[in-house]
Amino acid sequence: MPTNTELHKKKRKKNYIMLAMIFGWIALIWIITIIKTTNG
């Protein structure tokens, strides 16, 4: 099964973008939580 097709590359790129977005949301929520806890 070939893994270097155009469709595979597009799907891999999309998966990395989705993973980055999820990590971005987690980081954002974490930062907001830290700010709220430190400011009281």
PDB file of N, CA and C in Angstrom:
ATOM      1  N   MET A   1       0.837  -1.198   0.000  1.00  0.00           N
ATOM      2  CA  MET A   1       0.000   0.000   0.000  1.00  0.00           C
ATOM      3  C   MET A   1       0.873   1.248   0.000  1.00  0.00           C
ATOM      4  N   PRO A   2       0.789   2.049  -1.058  1.00  0.00           N
ATOM      5  CA  PRO A   2       1.633   3.251  -1.097  1.00  0.00           C
ATOM      6  C   PRO A   2       1.158   4.296  -0.094  1.00  0.00           C
ATOM      7  N   THR A   3       2.123   4.942   0.557  1.00  0.00           N
ATOM      8  CA  THR A   3       1.769   5.938   1.565  1.00  0.00           C
ATOM      9  C   THR A   3       2.170   7.347   1.142  1.00  0.00           C
ATOM     10  N   ASN A   4       2.759   7.494  -0.046  1.00  0.00           N
ATOM     11  CA  ASN A   4       3.205   8.806  -0.486  1.00  0.00           C
ATOM     12  C   ASN A   4       2.319   9.405  -1.568  1.00  0.00           C
ATOM     13  N   THR A   5       1.044   9.055  -1.563  1.00  0.00           N
ATOM     14  CA  THR A   5       0.120   9.632  -2.532  1.00  0.00           C
ATOM     15  C   THR A   5      -0.270  11.045  -2.098  1.00  0.00           C
ATOM     16  N   GLU A   6      -0.829  11.802  -3.023  1.00  0.00           N
ATOM     17  CA  GLU A   6      -1.246  13.175  -2.709  1.00  0.00           C
ATOM     18  C   GLU A   6      -2.307  13.201  -1.618  1.00  0.00           C
ATOM     19  N   LEU A   7      -3.262  12.272  -1.686  1.00  0.00           N
ATOM     20  CA  LEU A   7      -4.332  12.214  -0.694  1.00  0.00           C
ATOM     21  C   LEU A   7      -3.761  11.958   0.697  1.00  0.00           C
ATOM     22  N   HIS A   8      -2.785  11.065   0.767  1.00  0.00           N
ATOM     23  CA  HIS A   8      -2.164  10.746   2.050  1.00  0.00           C
ATOM     24  C   HIS A   8      -1.444  11.969   2.622  1.00  0.00           C
ATOM     25  N   LYS A   9      -0.736  12.701   1.756  1.00  0.00           N
ATOM     26  CA  LYS A   9      -0.032  13.907   2.213  1.00  0.00           C
ATOM     27  C   LYS A   9      -1.016  14.953   2.718  1.00  0.00           C
ATOM     28  N   LYS A  10      -2.142  15.119   2.009  1.00  0.00           N
ATOM     29  CA  LYS A  10      -3.151  16.093   2.436  1.00  0.00           C
ATOM     30  C   LYS A  10      -3.742  15.705   3.783  1.00  0.00           C
ATOM     31  N   LYS A  11      -4.062  14.409   3.942  1.00  0.00           N
ATOM     32  CA  LYS A  11      -4.641  13.941   5.201  1.00  0.00           C
ATOM     33  C   LYS A  11      -3.656  14.124   6.348  1.00  0.00           C
ATOM     34  N   ARG A  12      -2.363  13.826   6.091  1.00  0.00           N
ATOM     35  CA  ARG A  12      -1.353  13.972   7.130  1.00  0.00           C
ATOM     36  C   ARG A  12      -1.218  15.429   7.543  1.00  0.00           C
ATOM     37  N   LYS A  13      -1.227  16.329   6.568  1.00  0.00           N
ATOM     38  CA  LYS A  13      -1.127  17.760   6.857  1.00  0.00           C
ATOM     39  C   LYS A  13      -2.334  18.217   7.673  1.00  0.00           C
ATOM     40  N   LYS A  14      -3.520  17.761   7.293  1.00  0.00           N
ATOM     41  CA  LYS A  14      -4.748  18.118   8.019  1.00  0.00           C
ATOM     42  C   LYS A  14      -4.689  17.599   9.449  1.00  0.00           C
ATOM     43  N   ASN A  15      -4.190  16.373   9.621  1.00  0.00           N
ATOM     44  CA  ASN A  15      -4.080  15.803  10.964  1.00  0.00           C
ATOM     45  C   ASN A  15      -3.133  16.619  11.832  1.00  0.00           C
ATOM     46  N   TYR A  16      -2.001  17.058  11.270  1.00  0.00           N
ATOM     47  CA  TYR A  16      -1.061  17.879  12.031  1.00  0.00           C
ATOM     48  C   TYR A  16      -1.685  19.217  12.403  1.00  0.00           C
ATOM     49  N   ILE A  17      -2.454  19.810  11.492  1.00  0.00           N
ATOM     50  CA  ILE A  17      -3.122  21.081  11.775  1.00  0.00           C
ATOM     51  C   ILE A  17      -4.134  20.894  12.899  1.00  0.00           C
ATOM     52  N   MET A  18      -4.916  19.821  12.845  1.00  0.00           N
ATOM     53  CA  MET A  18      -5.898  19.553  13.899  1.00  0.00           C
ATOM     54  C   MET A  18      -5.218  19.331  15.242  1.00  0.00           C
ATOM     55  N   LEU A  19      -4.111  18.595  15.238  1.00  0.00           N
ATOM     56  CA  LEU A  19      -3.358  18.352  16.460  1.00  0.00           C
ATOM     57  C   LEU A  19      -2.826  19.665  17.037  1.00  0.00           C
ATOM     58  N   ALA A  20      -2.309  20.531  16.171  1.00  0.00           N
ATOM     59  CA  ALA A  20      -1.805  21.834  16.618  1.00  0.00           C
ATOM     60  C   ALA A  20      -2.936  22.682  17.196  1.00  0.00           C
ATOM     61  N   MET A  21      -4.113  22.635  16.576  1.00  0.00           N
ATOM     62  CA  MET A  21      -5.255  23.401  17.086  1.00  0.00           C
ATOM     63  C   MET A  21      -5.693  22.903  18.458  1.00  0.00           C
ATOM     64  N   ILE A  22      -5.708  21.583  18.641  1.00  0.00           N
ATOM     65  CA  ILE A  22      -6.093  21.009  19.936  1.00  0.00           C
ATOM     66  C   ILE A  22      -5.088  21.433  21.010  1.00  0.00           C
ATOM     67  N   PHE A  23      -3.790  21.321  20.694  1.00  0.00           N
ATOM     68  CA  PHE A  23      -2.774  21.746  21.651  1.00  0.00           C
ATOM     69  C   PHE A  23      -2.872  23.238  21.941  1.00  0.00           C
ATOM     70  N   GLY A  24      -3.202  24.018  20.923  1.00  0.00           N
ATOM     71  CA  GLY A  24      -3.391  25.453  21.102  1.00  0.00           C
ATOM     72  C   GLY A  24      -4.519  25.765  22.062  1.00  0.00           C
ATOM     73  N   TRP A  25      -5.650  25.073  21.913  1.00  0.00           N
ATOM     74  CA  TRP A  25      -6.790  25.263  22.826  1.00  0.00           C
ATOM     75  C   TRP A  25      -6.422  24.880  24.249  1.00  0.00           C
ATOM     76  N   ILE A  26      -5.726  23.746  24.406  1.00  0.00           N
ATOM     77  CA  ILE A  26      -5.315  23.303  25.744  1.00  0.00           C
ATOM     78  C   ILE A  26      -4.395  24.336  26.379  1.00  0.00           C
ATOM     79  N   ALA A  27      -3.436  24.847  25.597  1.00  0.00           N
ATOM     80  CA  ALA A  27      -2.515  25.860  26.110  1.00  0.00           C
ATOM     81  C   ALA A  27      -3.267  27.125  26.497  1.00  0.00           C
ATOM     82  N   LEU A  28      -4.211  27.537  25.679  1.00  0.00           N
ATOM     83  CA  LEU A  28      -4.994  28.749  25.952  1.00  0.00           C
ATOM     84  C   LEU A  28      -5.793  28.594  27.247  1.00  0.00           C
ATOM     85  N   ILE A  29      -6.488  27.485  27.403  1.00  0.00           N
ATOM     86  CA  ILE A  29      -7.279  27.232  28.610  1.00  0.00           C
ATOM     87  C   ILE A  29      -6.367  27.175  29.835  1.00  0.00           C
ATOM     88  N   TRP A  30      -5.200  26.536  29.687  1.00  0.00           N
ATOM     89  CA  TRP A  30      -4.237  26.426  30.781  1.00  0.00           C
ATOM     90  C   TRP A  30      -3.732  27.805  31.206  1.00  0.00           C
ATOM     91  N   ILE A  31      -3.394  28.651  30.231  1.00  0.00           N
ATOM     92  CA  ILE A  31      -2.913  30.004  30.520  1.00  0.00           C
ATOM     93  C   ILE A  31      -4.002  30.814  31.225  1.00  0.00           C
ATOM     94  N   ILE A  32      -5.232  30.735  30.737  1.00  0.00           N
ATOM     95  CA  ILE A  32      -6.333  31.465  31.371  1.00  0.00           C
ATOM     96  C   ILE A  32      -6.540  30.989  32.806  1.00  0.00           C
ATOM     97  N   THR A  33      -6.458  29.685  33.014  1.00  0.00           N
ATOM     98  CA  THR A  33      -6.613  29.127  34.361  1.00  0.00           C
ATOM     99  C   THR A  33      -5.508  29.641  35.283  1.00  0.00           C
ATOM    100  N   ILE A  34      -4.264  29.653  34.805  1.00  0.00           N
ATOM    101  CA  ILE A  34      -3.135  30.146  35.604  1.00  0.00           C
ATOM    102  C   ILE A  34      -3.338  31.608  35.966  1.00  0.00           C
ATOM    103  N   ILE A  35      -3.757  32.413  34.991  1.00  0.00           N
ATOM    104  CA  ILE A  35      -3.982  33.848  35.231  1.00  0.00           C
ATOM    105  C   ILE A  35      -5.083  34.042  36.278  1.00  0.00           C
ATOM    106  N   LYS A  36      -6.165  33.296  36.151  1.00  0.00           N
ATOM    107  CA  LYS A  36      -7.282  33.431  37.106  1.00  0.00           C
ATOM    108  C   LYS A  36      -6.864  33.019  38.512  1.00  0.00           C
ATOM    109  N   THR A  37      -6.065  31.961  38.629  1.00  0.00           N
ATOM    110  CA  THR A  37      -5.658  31.496  39.959  1.00  0.00           C
ATOM    111  C   THR A  37      -4.625  32.445  40.579  1.00  0.00           C
ATOM    112  N   THR A  38      -3.756  33.042  39.785  1.00  0.00           N
ATOM    113  CA  THR A  38      -2.736  33.931  40.352  1.00  0.00           C
ATOM    114  C   THR A  38      -3.331  35.293  40.711  1.00  0.00           C
ATOM    115  N   ASN A  39      -4.326  35.746  39.972  1.00  0.00           N
ATOM    116  CA  ASN A  39      -4.936  37.052  40.268  1.00  0.00           C
ATOM    117  C   ASN A  39      -5.989  36.971  41.366  1.00  0.00           C
ATOM    118  N   GLY A  40      -6.462  35.784  41.646  1.00  0.00           N
ATOM    119  CA  GLY A  40      -7.460  35.620  42.689  1.00  0.00           C
ATOM    120  C   GLY A  40      -8.814  36.011  42.197  1.00  0.00           C
TER     121      GLY A  40
END
